[in-house]
Amino acid sequence: KFGVINFSASFMAYFTLLIGFGFDLSATRKIAAAPSDSENRN
C-alpha cells in the first residue's frame, strides 16, 4: 500500500510539473531583476 500511494503521487507529479511550468525559475528571474518595479510585479 505504501507503493500504491507513492506510485499515484509520482503520476500526479506530471500534472504539478505542467501547472508549475517552471515559473519558480522564470517568474522569479523576471521579478528578482527589479523587485521595486510594482508594475512589472503585477
Full PDB file with SEQRES, HELIX, SHEET, SSBOND, CRYST1, ORIGX, SCALE, CONECT and MASTER records, all heavy atoms in Angstrom:
SEQRES   1 A   42  LYS PHE GLY VAL ILE ASN PHE SER ALA SER PHE MET ALA          
SEQRES   2 A   42  TYR PHE THR LEU LEU ILE GLY PHE GLY PHE ASP LEU SER          
SEQRES   3 A   42  ALA THR ARG LYS ILE ALA ALA ALA PRO SER ASP SER GLU          
SEQRES   4 A   42  ASN ARG ASN                                                  
HELIX    1 AA1 PHE A    2  GLY A   20  1                                  19    
HELIX    2 AA2 PHE A   23  ALA A   32  1                                  10    
HELIX    3 AA3 SER A   38  ARG A   41  1                                   4    
CRYST1    1.000    1.000    1.000  90.00  90.00  90.00 P 1           1          
ORIGX1      1.000000  0.000000  0.000000        0.00000                         
ORIGX2      0.000000  1.000000  0.000000        0.00000                         
ORIGX3      0.000000  0.000000  1.000000        0.00000                         
SCALE1      1.000000  0.000000  0.000000        0.00000                         
SCALE2      0.000000  1.000000  0.000000        0.00000                         
SCALE3      0.000000  0.000000  1.000000        0.00000                         
ATOM      1  N   LYS A   1       0.828  -1.211   0.000  1.00  0.00           N  
ATOM      2  CA  LYS A   1       0.000   0.000   0.000  1.00  0.00           C  
ATOM      3  C   LYS A   1       0.867   1.268   0.000  1.00  0.00           C  
ATOM      4  O   LYS A   1       0.473   2.292  -0.547  1.00  0.00           O  
ATOM      5  CB  LYS A   1      -0.942   0.008   1.210  1.00  0.00           C  
ATOM      6  CG  LYS A   1      -1.914  -1.156   1.235  1.00  0.00           C  
ATOM      7  CD  LYS A   1      -2.713  -1.243  -0.069  1.00  0.00           C  
ATOM      8  CE  LYS A   1      -3.693  -2.401  -0.048  1.00  0.00           C  
ATOM      9  NZ  LYS A   1      -4.416  -2.560  -1.346  1.00  0.00           N  
ATOM     10  N   PHE A   2       2.049   1.155   0.614  1.00  0.00           N  
ATOM     11  CA  PHE A   2       2.991   2.263   0.570  1.00  0.00           C  
ATOM     12  C   PHE A   2       3.395   2.539  -0.879  1.00  0.00           C  
ATOM     13  O   PHE A   2       3.518   3.690  -1.306  1.00  0.00           O  
ATOM     14  CB  PHE A   2       4.217   1.928   1.421  1.00  0.00           C  
ATOM     15  CG  PHE A   2       5.143   3.084   1.659  1.00  0.00           C  
ATOM     16  CD1 PHE A   2       4.859   4.035   2.622  1.00  0.00           C  
ATOM     17  CD2 PHE A   2       6.311   3.222   0.926  1.00  0.00           C  
ATOM     18  CE1 PHE A   2       5.713   5.105   2.857  1.00  0.00           C  
ATOM     19  CE2 PHE A   2       7.169   4.272   1.147  1.00  0.00           C  
ATOM     20  CZ  PHE A   2       6.869   5.228   2.112  1.00  0.00           C  
ATOM     21  N   GLY A   3       3.583   1.483  -1.635  1.00  0.00           N  
ATOM     22  CA  GLY A   3       3.917   1.617  -3.052  1.00  0.00           C  
ATOM     23  C   GLY A   3       2.775   2.191  -3.859  1.00  0.00           C  
ATOM     24  O   GLY A   3       2.986   2.970  -4.803  1.00  0.00           O  
ATOM     25  N   VAL A   4       1.541   1.816  -3.519  1.00  0.00           N  
ATOM     26  CA  VAL A   4       0.362   2.370  -4.208  1.00  0.00           C  
ATOM     27  C   VAL A   4       0.308   3.890  -4.048  1.00  0.00           C  
ATOM     28  O   VAL A   4       0.091   4.626  -5.017  1.00  0.00           O  
ATOM     29  CB  VAL A   4      -0.938   1.731  -3.646  1.00  0.00           C  
ATOM     30  CG1 VAL A   4      -2.165   2.504  -4.141  1.00  0.00           C  
ATOM     31  CG2 VAL A   4      -1.034   0.271  -4.063  1.00  0.00           C  
ATOM     32  N   ILE A   5       0.517   4.356  -2.825  1.00  0.00           N  
ATOM     33  CA  ILE A   5       0.480   5.794  -2.558  1.00  0.00           C  
ATOM     34  C   ILE A   5       1.584   6.519  -3.317  1.00  0.00           C  
ATOM     35  O   ILE A   5       1.356   7.561  -3.938  1.00  0.00           O  
ATOM     36  CB  ILE A   5       0.606   6.056  -1.039  1.00  0.00           C  
ATOM     37  CG1 ILE A   5      -0.643   5.548  -0.312  1.00  0.00           C  
ATOM     38  CG2 ILE A   5       0.832   7.542  -0.757  1.00  0.00           C  
ATOM     39  CD1 ILE A   5      -0.525   5.594   1.191  1.00  0.00           C  
ATOM     40  N   ASN A   6       2.787   5.948  -3.312  1.00  0.00           N  
ATOM     41  CA  ASN A   6       3.921   6.606  -3.960  1.00  0.00           C  
ATOM     42  C   ASN A   6       3.813   6.577  -5.485  1.00  0.00           C  
ATOM     43  O   ASN A   6       4.236   7.523  -6.158  1.00  0.00           O  
ATOM     44  CB  ASN A   6       5.231   5.963  -3.525  1.00  0.00           C  
ATOM     45  CG  ASN A   6       5.617   6.358  -2.117  1.00  0.00           C  
ATOM     46  OD1 ASN A   6       5.158   7.369  -1.601  1.00  0.00           O  
ATOM     47  ND2 ASN A   6       6.452   5.568  -1.470  1.00  0.00           N  
ATOM     48  N   PHE A   7       3.245   5.496  -6.029  1.00  0.00           N  
ATOM     49  CA  PHE A   7       3.041   5.444  -7.476  1.00  0.00           C  
ATOM     50  C   PHE A   7       2.064   6.526  -7.908  1.00  0.00           C  
ATOM     51  O   PHE A   7       2.296   7.259  -8.885  1.00  0.00           O  
ATOM     52  CB  PHE A   7       2.508   4.071  -7.901  1.00  0.00           C  
ATOM     53  CG  PHE A   7       2.150   4.005  -9.369  1.00  0.00           C  
ATOM     54  CD1 PHE A   7       3.126   3.781 -10.327  1.00  0.00           C  
ATOM     55  CD2 PHE A   7       0.836   4.185  -9.786  1.00  0.00           C  
ATOM     56  CE1 PHE A   7       2.800   3.736 -11.682  1.00  0.00           C  
ATOM     57  CE2 PHE A   7       0.499   4.139 -11.131  1.00  0.00           C  
ATOM     58  CZ  PHE A   7       1.485   3.906 -12.084  1.00  0.00           C  
ATOM     59  N   SER A   8       0.964   6.657  -7.181  1.00  0.00           N  
ATOM     60  CA  SER A   8      -0.037   7.664  -7.514  1.00  0.00           C  
ATOM     61  C   SER A   8       0.546   9.077  -7.384  1.00  0.00           C  
ATOM     62  O   SER A   8       0.318   9.940  -8.243  1.00  0.00           O  
ATOM     63  CB  SER A   8      -1.257   7.518  -6.594  1.00  0.00           C  
ATOM     64  OG  SER A   8      -2.287   8.402  -6.961  1.00  0.00           O  
ATOM     65  N   ALA A   9       1.313   9.310  -6.327  1.00  0.00           N  
ATOM     66  CA  ALA A   9       1.933  10.625  -6.138  1.00  0.00           C  
ATOM     67  C   ALA A   9       2.910  10.940  -7.260  1.00  0.00           C  
ATOM     68  O   ALA A   9       2.975  12.088  -7.737  1.00  0.00           O  
ATOM     69  CB  ALA A   9       2.647  10.670  -4.790  1.00  0.00           C  
ATOM     70  N   SER A  10       3.652   9.941  -7.705  1.00  0.00           N  
ATOM     71  CA  SER A  10       4.598  10.145  -8.802  1.00  0.00           C  
ATOM     72  C   SER A  10       3.871  10.440 -10.106  1.00  0.00           C  
ATOM     73  O   SER A  10       4.320  11.267 -10.910  1.00  0.00           O  
ATOM     74  CB  SER A  10       5.488   8.909  -8.966  1.00  0.00           C  
ATOM     75  OG  SER A  10       6.245   8.677  -7.804  1.00  0.00           O  
ATOM     76  N   PHE A  11       2.749   9.786 -10.323  1.00  0.00           N  
ATOM     77  CA  PHE A  11       1.958  10.029 -11.533  1.00  0.00           C  
ATOM     78  C   PHE A  11       1.437  11.468 -11.529  1.00  0.00           C  
ATOM     79  O   PHE A  11       1.452  12.155 -12.556  1.00  0.00           O  
ATOM     80  CB  PHE A  11       0.796   9.031 -11.608  1.00  0.00           C  
ATOM     81  CG  PHE A  11       0.230   8.871 -12.985  1.00  0.00           C  
ATOM     82  CD1 PHE A  11       0.658   7.852 -13.816  1.00  0.00           C  
ATOM     83  CD2 PHE A  11      -0.735   9.751 -13.467  1.00  0.00           C  
ATOM     84  CE1 PHE A  11       0.143   7.705 -15.094  1.00  0.00           C  
ATOM     85  CE2 PHE A  11      -1.258   9.611 -14.738  1.00  0.00           C  
ATOM     86  CZ  PHE A  11      -0.820   8.584 -15.557  1.00  0.00           C  
ATOM     87  N   MET A  12       0.975  11.932 -10.366  1.00  0.00           N  
ATOM     88  CA  MET A  12       0.441  13.297 -10.273  1.00  0.00           C  
ATOM     89  C   MET A  12       1.537  14.354 -10.420  1.00  0.00           C  
ATOM     90  O   MET A  12       1.254  15.511 -10.729  1.00  0.00           O  
ATOM     91  CB  MET A  12      -0.272  13.513  -8.934  1.00  0.00           C  
ATOM     92  CG  MET A  12      -1.432  12.556  -8.700  1.00  0.00           C  
ATOM     93  SD  MET A  12      -2.568  12.430 -10.103  1.00  0.00           S  
ATOM     94  CE  MET A  12      -3.076  10.712  -9.958  1.00  0.00           C  
ATOM     95  N   ALA A  13       2.778  13.936 -10.236  1.00  0.00           N  
ATOM     96  CA  ALA A  13       3.891  14.880 -10.379  1.00  0.00           C  
ATOM     97  C   ALA A  13       3.970  15.437 -11.795  1.00  0.00           C  
ATOM     98  O   ALA A  13       4.437  16.562 -11.996  1.00  0.00           O  
ATOM     99  CB  ALA A  13       5.203  14.198 -10.011  1.00  0.00           C  
ATOM    100  N   TYR A  14       3.489  14.663 -12.782  1.00  0.00           N  
ATOM    101  CA  TYR A  14       3.464  15.184 -14.156  1.00  0.00           C  
ATOM    102  C   TYR A  14       2.518  16.379 -14.261  1.00  0.00           C  
ATOM    103  O   TYR A  14       2.815  17.379 -14.929  1.00  0.00           O  
ATOM    104  CB  TYR A  14       3.014  14.094 -15.135  1.00  0.00           C  
ATOM    105  CG  TYR A  14       3.991  12.961 -15.277  1.00  0.00           C  
ATOM    106  CD1 TYR A  14       3.644  11.663 -14.916  1.00  0.00           C  
ATOM    107  CD2 TYR A  14       5.274  13.181 -15.777  1.00  0.00           C  
ATOM    108  CE1 TYR A  14       4.541  10.614 -15.040  1.00  0.00           C  
ATOM    109  CE2 TYR A  14       6.171  12.136 -15.911  1.00  0.00           C  
ATOM    110  CZ  TYR A  14       5.806  10.856 -15.548  1.00  0.00           C  
ATOM    111  OH  TYR A  14       6.691   9.821 -15.666  1.00  0.00           O  
ATOM    112  N   PHE A  15       1.377  16.290 -13.596  1.00  0.00           N  
ATOM    113  CA  PHE A  15       0.402  17.378 -13.643  1.00  0.00           C  
ATOM    114  C   PHE A  15       0.915  18.612 -12.897  1.00  0.00           C  
ATOM    115  O   PHE A  15       0.767  19.742 -13.369  1.00  0.00           O  
ATOM    116  CB  PHE A  15      -0.938  16.923 -13.061  1.00  0.00           C  
ATOM    117  CG  PHE A  15      -1.576  15.800 -13.822  1.00  0.00           C  
ATOM    118  CD1 PHE A  15      -1.950  14.627 -13.186  1.00  0.00           C  
ATOM    119  CD2 PHE A  15      -1.806  15.907 -15.189  1.00  0.00           C  
ATOM    120  CE1 PHE A  15      -2.542  13.585 -13.890  1.00  0.00           C  
ATOM    121  CE2 PHE A  15      -2.393  14.874 -15.907  1.00  0.00           C  
ATOM    122  CZ  PHE A  15      -2.770  13.711 -15.250  1.00  0.00           C  
ATOM    123  N   THR A  16       1.524  18.391 -11.732  1.00  0.00           N  
ATOM    124  CA  THR A  16       2.050  19.537 -10.986  1.00  0.00           C  
ATOM    125  C   THR A  16       3.215  20.186 -11.733  1.00  0.00           C  
ATOM    126  O   THR A  16       3.406  21.402 -11.665  1.00  0.00           O  
ATOM    127  CB  THR A  16       2.506  19.122  -9.575  1.00  0.00           C  
ATOM    128  OG1 THR A  16       3.515  18.111  -9.671  1.00  0.00           O  
ATOM    129  CG2 THR A  16       1.342  18.569  -8.770  1.00  0.00           C  
ATOM    130  N   LEU A  17       3.962  19.373 -12.453  1.00  0.00           N  
ATOM    131  CA  LEU A  17       5.052  19.915 -13.270  1.00  0.00           C  
ATOM    132  C   LEU A  17       4.502  20.817 -14.367  1.00  0.00           C  
ATOM    133  O   LEU A  17       5.034  21.900 -14.637  1.00  0.00           O  
ATOM    134  CB  LEU A  17       5.851  18.765 -13.885  1.00  0.00           C  
ATOM    135  CG  LEU A  17       7.037  19.147 -14.777  1.00  0.00           C  
ATOM    136  CD1 LEU A  17       8.109  19.863 -13.979  1.00  0.00           C  
ATOM    137  CD2 LEU A  17       7.617  17.902 -15.441  1.00  0.00           C  
ATOM    138  N   LEU A  18       3.410  20.377 -14.993  1.00  0.00           N  
ATOM    139  CA  LEU A  18       2.789  21.172 -16.056  1.00  0.00           C  
ATOM    140  C   LEU A  18       2.203  22.463 -15.499  1.00  0.00           C  
ATOM    141  O   LEU A  18       2.362  23.539 -16.089  1.00  0.00           O  
ATOM    142  CB  LEU A  18       1.703  20.352 -16.754  1.00  0.00           C  
ATOM    143  CG  LEU A  18       0.950  21.048 -17.907  1.00  0.00           C  
ATOM    144  CD1 LEU A  18       1.926  21.502 -18.989  1.00  0.00           C  
ATOM    145  CD2 LEU A  18      -0.109  20.124 -18.497  1.00  0.00           C  
ATOM    146  N   ILE A  19       1.537  22.377 -14.354  1.00  0.00           N  
ATOM    147  CA  ILE A  19       0.939  23.577 -13.749  1.00  0.00           C  
ATOM    148  C   ILE A  19       2.023  24.555 -13.307  1.00  0.00           C  
ATOM    149  O   ILE A  19       1.900  25.773 -13.486  1.00  0.00           O  
ATOM    150  CB  ILE A  19       0.039  23.188 -12.559  1.00  0.00           C  
ATOM    151  CG1 ILE A  19      -1.161  22.372 -13.041  1.00  0.00           C  
ATOM    152  CG2 ILE A  19      -0.446  24.433 -11.818  1.00  0.00           C  
ATOM    153  CD1 ILE A  19      -1.970  21.737 -11.942  1.00  0.00           C  
ATOM    154  N   GLY A  20       3.097  24.020 -12.734  1.00  0.00           N  
ATOM    155  CA  GLY A  20       4.204  24.886 -12.320  1.00  0.00           C  
ATOM    156  C   GLY A  20       4.901  25.541 -13.483  1.00  0.00           C  
ATOM    157  O   GLY A  20       5.296  26.712 -13.430  1.00  0.00           O  
ATOM    158  N   PHE A  21       5.089  24.799 -14.573  1.00  0.00           N  
ATOM    159  CA  PHE A  21       5.640  25.265 -15.846  1.00  0.00           C  
ATOM    160  C   PHE A  21       6.969  26.027 -15.691  1.00  0.00           C  
ATOM    161  O   PHE A  21       7.286  26.907 -16.473  1.00  0.00           O  
ATOM    162  CB  PHE A  21       4.636  26.157 -16.578  1.00  0.00           C  
ATOM    163  CG  PHE A  21       4.766  26.076 -18.082  1.00  0.00           C  
ATOM    164  CD1 PHE A  21       4.161  25.060 -18.782  1.00  0.00           C  
ATOM    165  CD2 PHE A  21       5.527  27.006 -18.794  1.00  0.00           C  
ATOM    166  CE1 PHE A  21       4.284  24.966 -20.167  1.00  0.00           C  
ATOM    167  CE2 PHE A  21       5.661  26.929 -20.167  1.00  0.00           C  
ATOM    168  CZ  PHE A  21       5.043  25.907 -20.857  1.00  0.00           C  
ATOM    169  N   GLY A  22       7.707  25.712 -14.646  1.00  0.00           N  
ATOM    170  CA  GLY A  22       8.998  26.360 -14.467  1.00  0.00           C  
ATOM    171  C   GLY A  22       8.929  27.797 -14.011  1.00  0.00           C  
ATOM    172  O   GLY A  22       9.937  28.519 -14.034  1.00  0.00           O  
ATOM    173  N   PHE A  23       7.738  28.237 -13.550  1.00  0.00           N  
ATOM    174  CA  PHE A  23       7.613  29.635 -13.117  1.00  0.00           C  
ATOM    175  C   PHE A  23       8.468  29.928 -11.880  1.00  0.00           C  
ATOM    176  O   PHE A  23       8.826  31.082 -11.641  1.00  0.00           O  
ATOM    177  CB  PHE A  23       6.148  29.971 -12.830  1.00  0.00           C  
ATOM    178  CG  PHE A  23       5.298  30.048 -14.062  1.00  0.00           C  
ATOM    179  CD1 PHE A  23       4.109  29.329 -14.162  1.00  0.00           C  
ATOM    180  CD2 PHE A  23       5.673  30.834 -15.132  1.00  0.00           C  
ATOM    181  CE1 PHE A  23       3.323  29.393 -15.299  1.00  0.00           C  
ATOM    182  CE2 PHE A  23       4.894  30.909 -16.281  1.00  0.00           C  
ATOM    183  CZ  PHE A  23       3.719  30.188 -16.365  1.00  0.00           C  
ATOM    184  N   ASP A  24       8.767  28.893 -11.083  1.00  0.00           N  
ATOM    185  CA  ASP A  24       9.649  29.100  -9.940  1.00  0.00           C  
ATOM    186  C   ASP A  24      11.002  29.659 -10.381  1.00  0.00           C  
ATOM    187  O   ASP A  24      11.688  30.329  -9.610  1.00  0.00           O  
ATOM    188  CB  ASP A  24       9.866  27.785  -9.190  1.00  0.00           C  
ATOM    189  CG  ASP A  24       8.679  27.424  -8.321  1.00  0.00           C  
ATOM    190  OD1 ASP A  24       7.775  28.261  -8.173  1.00  0.00           O  
ATOM    191  OD2 ASP A  24       8.652  26.299  -7.797  1.00  0.00           O  
ATOM    192  N   LEU A  25      11.375  29.360 -11.630  1.00  0.00           N  
ATOM    193  CA  LEU A  25      12.629  29.870 -12.173  1.00  0.00           C  
ATOM    194  C   LEU A  25      12.417  31.101 -13.049  1.00  0.00           C  
ATOM    195  O   LEU A  25      13.044  32.133 -12.850  1.00  0.00           O  
ATOM    196  CB  LEU A  25      13.331  28.767 -12.973  1.00  0.00           C  
ATOM    197  CG  LEU A  25      13.745  27.522 -12.184  1.00  0.00           C  
ATOM    198  CD1 LEU A  25      14.279  26.456 -13.124  1.00  0.00           C  
ATOM    199  CD2 LEU A  25      14.784  27.861 -11.133  1.00  0.00           C  
ATOM    200  N   SER A  26      11.516  30.984 -14.025  1.00  0.00           N  
ATOM    201  CA  SER A  26      11.342  32.083 -14.984  1.00  0.00           C  
ATOM    202  C   SER A  26      10.704  33.314 -14.366  1.00  0.00           C  
ATOM    203  O   SER A  26      11.173  34.444 -14.581  1.00  0.00           O  
ATOM    204  CB  SER A  26      10.506  31.595 -16.181  1.00  0.00           C  
ATOM    205  OG  SER A  26       9.223  31.147 -15.761  1.00  0.00           O  
ATOM    206  N   ALA A  27       9.624  33.144 -13.590  1.00  0.00           N  
ATOM    207  CA  ALA A  27       8.962  34.294 -12.975  1.00  0.00           C  
ATOM    208  C   ALA A  27       9.834  34.906 -11.886  1.00  0.00           C  
ATOM    209  O   ALA A  27       9.887  36.134 -11.733  1.00  0.00           O  
ATOM    210  CB  ALA A  27       7.610  33.884 -12.397  1.00  0.00           C  
ATOM    211  N   THR A  28      10.518  34.054 -11.134  1.00  0.00           N  
ATOM    212  CA  THR A  28      11.437  34.557 -10.111  1.00  0.00           C  
ATOM    213  C   THR A  28      12.504  35.435 -10.740  1.00  0.00           C  
ATOM    214  O   THR A  28      12.834  36.507 -10.234  1.00  0.00           O  
ATOM    215  CB  THR A  28      12.096  33.383  -9.361  1.00  0.00           C  
ATOM    216  OG1 THR A  28      11.086  32.614  -8.709  1.00  0.00           O  
ATOM    217  CG2 THR A  28      13.090  33.882  -8.327  1.00  0.00           C  
ATOM    218  N   ARG A  29      13.024  34.984 -11.863  1.00  0.00           N  
ATOM    219  CA  ARG A  29      14.074  35.727 -12.561  1.00  0.00           C  
ATOM    220  C   ARG A  29      13.579  37.092 -13.026  1.00  0.00           C  
ATOM    221  O   ARG A  29      14.288  38.092 -12.925  1.00  0.00           O  
ATOM    222  CB  ARG A  29      14.565  34.897 -13.758  1.00  0.00           C  
ATOM    223  CG  ARG A  29      15.743  35.474 -14.495  1.00  0.00           C  
ATOM    224  CD  ARG A  29      16.309  34.451 -15.473  1.00  0.00           C  
ATOM    225  NE  ARG A  29      15.368  34.114 -16.520  1.00  0.00           N  
ATOM    226  CZ  ARG A  29      15.567  33.145 -17.421  1.00  0.00           C  
ATOM    227  NH1 ARG A  29      16.668  32.413 -17.354  1.00  0.00           N  
ATOM    228  NH2 ARG A  29      14.679  32.891 -18.356  1.00  0.00           N  
ATOM    229  N   LYS A  30      12.345  37.145 -13.499  1.00  0.00           N  
ATOM    230  CA  LYS A  30      11.788  38.403 -14.007  1.00  0.00           C  
ATOM    231  C   LYS A  30      11.619  39.441 -12.905  1.00  0.00           C  
ATOM    232  O   LYS A  30      11.910  40.622 -13.091  1.00  0.00           O  
ATOM    233  CB  LYS A  30      10.431  38.145 -14.680  1.00  0.00           C  
ATOM    234  CG  LYS A  30      10.518  37.413 -15.999  1.00  0.00           C  
ATOM    235  CD  LYS A  30       9.126  37.160 -16.554  1.00  0.00           C  
ATOM    236  CE  LYS A  30       9.171  36.392 -17.865  1.00  0.00           C  
ATOM    237  NZ  LYS A  30       7.806  36.110 -18.382  1.00  0.00           N  
ATOM    238  N   ILE A  31      11.125  38.996 -11.749  1.00  0.00           N  
ATOM    239  CA  ILE A  31      10.858  39.948 -10.658  1.00  0.00           C  
ATOM    240  C   ILE A  31      12.132  40.265  -9.880  1.00  0.00           C  
ATOM    241  O   ILE A  31      12.342  41.415  -9.469  1.00  0.00           O  
ATOM    242  CB  ILE A  31       9.771  39.401  -9.721  1.00  0.00           C  
ATOM    243  CG1 ILE A  31       8.429  39.357 -10.459  1.00  0.00           C  
ATOM    244  CG2 ILE A  31       9.648  40.246  -8.459  1.00  0.00           C  
ATOM    245  CD1 ILE A  31       7.268  38.886  -9.630  1.00  0.00           C  
ATOM    246  N   ALA A  32      12.988  39.274  -9.669  1.00  0.00           N  
ATOM    247  CA  ALA A  32      14.211  39.485  -8.897  1.00  0.00           C  
ATOM    248  C   ALA A  32      15.119  40.511  -9.550  1.00  0.00           C  
ATOM    249  O   ALA A  32      15.895  41.191  -8.875  1.00  0.00           O  
ATOM    250  CB  ALA A  32      14.956  38.168  -8.709  1.00  0.00           C  
ATOM    251  N   ALA A  33      15.032  40.634 -10.870  1.00  0.00           N  
ATOM    252  CA  ALA A  33      15.867  41.610 -11.571  1.00  0.00           C  
ATOM    253  C   ALA A  33      15.500  43.041 -11.198  1.00  0.00           C  
ATOM    254  O   ALA A  33      16.337  43.947 -11.237  1.00  0.00           O  
ATOM    255  CB  ALA A  33      15.743  41.417 -13.080  1.00  0.00           C  
ATOM    256  N   ALA A  34      14.220  43.286 -10.851  1.00  0.00           N  
ATOM    257  CA  ALA A  34      13.765  44.632 -10.464  1.00  0.00           C  
ATOM    258  C   ALA A  34      12.648  44.505  -9.440  1.00  0.00           C  
ATOM    259  O   ALA A  34      11.477  44.740  -9.744  1.00  0.00           O  
ATOM    260  CB  ALA A  34      13.292  45.396 -11.695  1.00  0.00           C  
ATOM    261  N   PRO A  35      12.960  44.126  -8.208  1.00  0.00           N  
ATOM    262  CA  PRO A  35      11.920  43.861  -7.203  1.00  0.00           C  
ATOM    263  C   PRO A  35      11.101  45.085  -6.821  1.00  0.00           C  
ATOM    264  O   PRO A  35       9.999  44.947  -6.294  1.00  0.00           O  
ATOM    265  CB  PRO A  35      12.722  43.336  -6.006  1.00  0.00           C  
ATOM    266  CG  PRO A  35      14.103  43.864  -6.199  1.00  0.00           C  
ATOM    267  CD  PRO A  35      14.316  43.900  -7.681  1.00  0.00           C  
ATOM    268  N   SER A  36      11.612  46.286  -7.066  1.00  0.00           N  
ATOM    269  CA  SER A  36      10.883  47.502  -6.690  1.00  0.00           C  
ATOM    270  C   SER A  36       9.895  47.963  -7.754  1.00  0.00           C  
ATOM    271  O   SER A  36       9.141  48.910  -7.528  1.00  0.00           O  
ATOM    272  CB  SER A  36      11.870  48.633  -6.398  1.00  0.00           C  
ATOM    273  OG  SER A  36      12.656  48.920  -7.538  1.00  0.00           O  
ATOM    274  N   ASP A  37       9.887  47.297  -8.902  1.00  0.00           N  
ATOM    275  CA  ASP A  37       9.008  47.683 -10.009  1.00  0.00           C  
ATOM    276  C   ASP A  37       7.628  47.051  -9.799  1.00  0.00           C  
ATOM    277  O   ASP A  37       7.409  45.887 -10.134  1.00  0.00           O  
ATOM    278  CB  ASP A  37       9.618  47.237 -11.334  1.00  0.00           C  
ATOM    279  CG  ASP A  37       8.853  47.778 -12.539  1.00  0.00           C  
ATOM    280  OD1 ASP A  37       7.695  48.201 -12.388  1.00  0.00           O  
ATOM    281  OD2 ASP A  37       9.431  47.772 -13.649  1.00  0.00           O  
ATOM    282  N   SER A  38       6.686  47.838  -9.255  1.00  0.00           N  
ATOM    283  CA  SER A  38       5.365  47.297  -8.937  1.00  0.00           C  
ATOM    284  C   SER A  38       4.575  46.932 -10.189  1.00  0.00           C  
ATOM    285  O   SER A  38       3.817  45.951 -10.184  1.00  0.00           O  
ATOM    286  CB  SER A  38       4.572  48.311  -8.108  1.00  0.00           C  
ATOM    287  OG  SER A  38       4.413  49.530  -8.812  1.00  0.00           O  
ATOM    288  N   GLU A  39       4.730  47.677 -11.254  1.00  0.00           N  
ATOM    289  CA  GLU A  39       4.002  47.364 -12.484  1.00  0.00           C  
ATOM    290  C   GLU A  39       4.458  46.034 -13.062  1.00  0.00           C  
ATOM    291  O   GLU A  39       3.646  45.222 -13.506  1.00  0.00           O  
ATOM    292  CB  GLU A  39       4.204  48.493 -13.513  1.00  0.00           C  
ATOM    293  CG  GLU A  39       3.470  49.778 -13.182  1.00  0.00           C  
ATOM    294  CD  GLU A  39       1.966  49.560 -13.068  1.00  0.00           C  
ATOM    295  OE1 GLU A  39       1.396  48.871 -13.944  1.00  0.00           O  
ATOM    296  OE2 GLU A  39       1.373  50.036 -12.090  1.00  0.00           O  
ATOM    297  N   ASN A  40       5.752  45.815 -13.046  1.00  0.00           N  
ATOM    298  CA  ASN A  40       6.293  44.546 -13.527  1.00  0.00           C  
ATOM    299  C   ASN A  40       5.811  43.403 -12.646  1.00  0.00           C  
ATOM    300  O   ASN A  40       5.448  42.332 -13.148  1.00  0.00           O  
ATOM    301  CB  ASN A  40       7.822  44.601 -13.517  1.00  0.00           C  
ATOM    302  CG  ASN A  40       8.447  43.288 -13.943  1.00  0.00           C  
ATOM    303  OD1 ASN A  40       8.267  42.816 -15.066  1.00  0.00           O  
ATOM    304  ND2 ASN A  40       9.197  42.678 -13.040  1.00  0.00           N  
ATOM    305  N   ARG A  41       5.779  43.627 -11.327  1.00  0.00           N  
ATOM    306  CA  ARG A  41       5.324  42.596 -10.395  1.00  0.00           C  
ATOM    307  C   ARG A  41       3.866  42.231 -10.649  1.00  0.00           C  
ATOM    308  O   ARG A  41       3.506  41.044 -10.674  1.00  0.00           O  
ATOM    309  CB  ARG A  41       5.517  43.094  -8.957  1.00  0.00           C  
ATOM    310  CG  ARG A  41       5.273  42.037  -7.908  1.00  0.00           C  
ATOM    311  CD  ARG A  41       5.822  42.450  -6.549  1.00  0.00           C  
ATOM    312  NE  ARG A  41       5.196  43.649  -6.022  1.00  0.00           N  
ATOM    313  CZ  ARG A  41       5.813  44.813  -5.884  1.00  0.00           C  
ATOM    314  NH1 ARG A  41       7.071  44.954  -6.267  1.00  0.00           N  
ATOM    315  NH2 ARG A  41       5.180  45.862  -5.374  1.00  0.00           N  
ATOM    316  N   ASN A  42       3.005  43.222 -10.845  1.00  0.00           N  
ATOM    317  CA  ASN A  42       1.592  42.965 -11.133  1.00  0.00           C  
ATOM    318  C   ASN A  42       1.422  42.206 -12.445  1.00  0.00           C  
ATOM    319  O   ASN A  42       0.598  41.290 -12.545  1.00  0.00           O  
ATOM    320  CB  ASN A  42       0.817  44.282 -11.198  1.00  0.00           C  
ATOM    321  CG  ASN A  42       0.679  44.943  -9.832  1.00  0.00           C  
ATOM    322  OD1 ASN A  42       0.664  44.269  -8.814  1.00  0.00           O  
ATOM    323  ND2 ASN A  42       0.586  46.255  -9.823  1.00  0.00           N  
TER     324      ASN A  42                                                      
MASTER        0    0    0    3    0    0    0    6  323    1    0    4          
END                                                                             
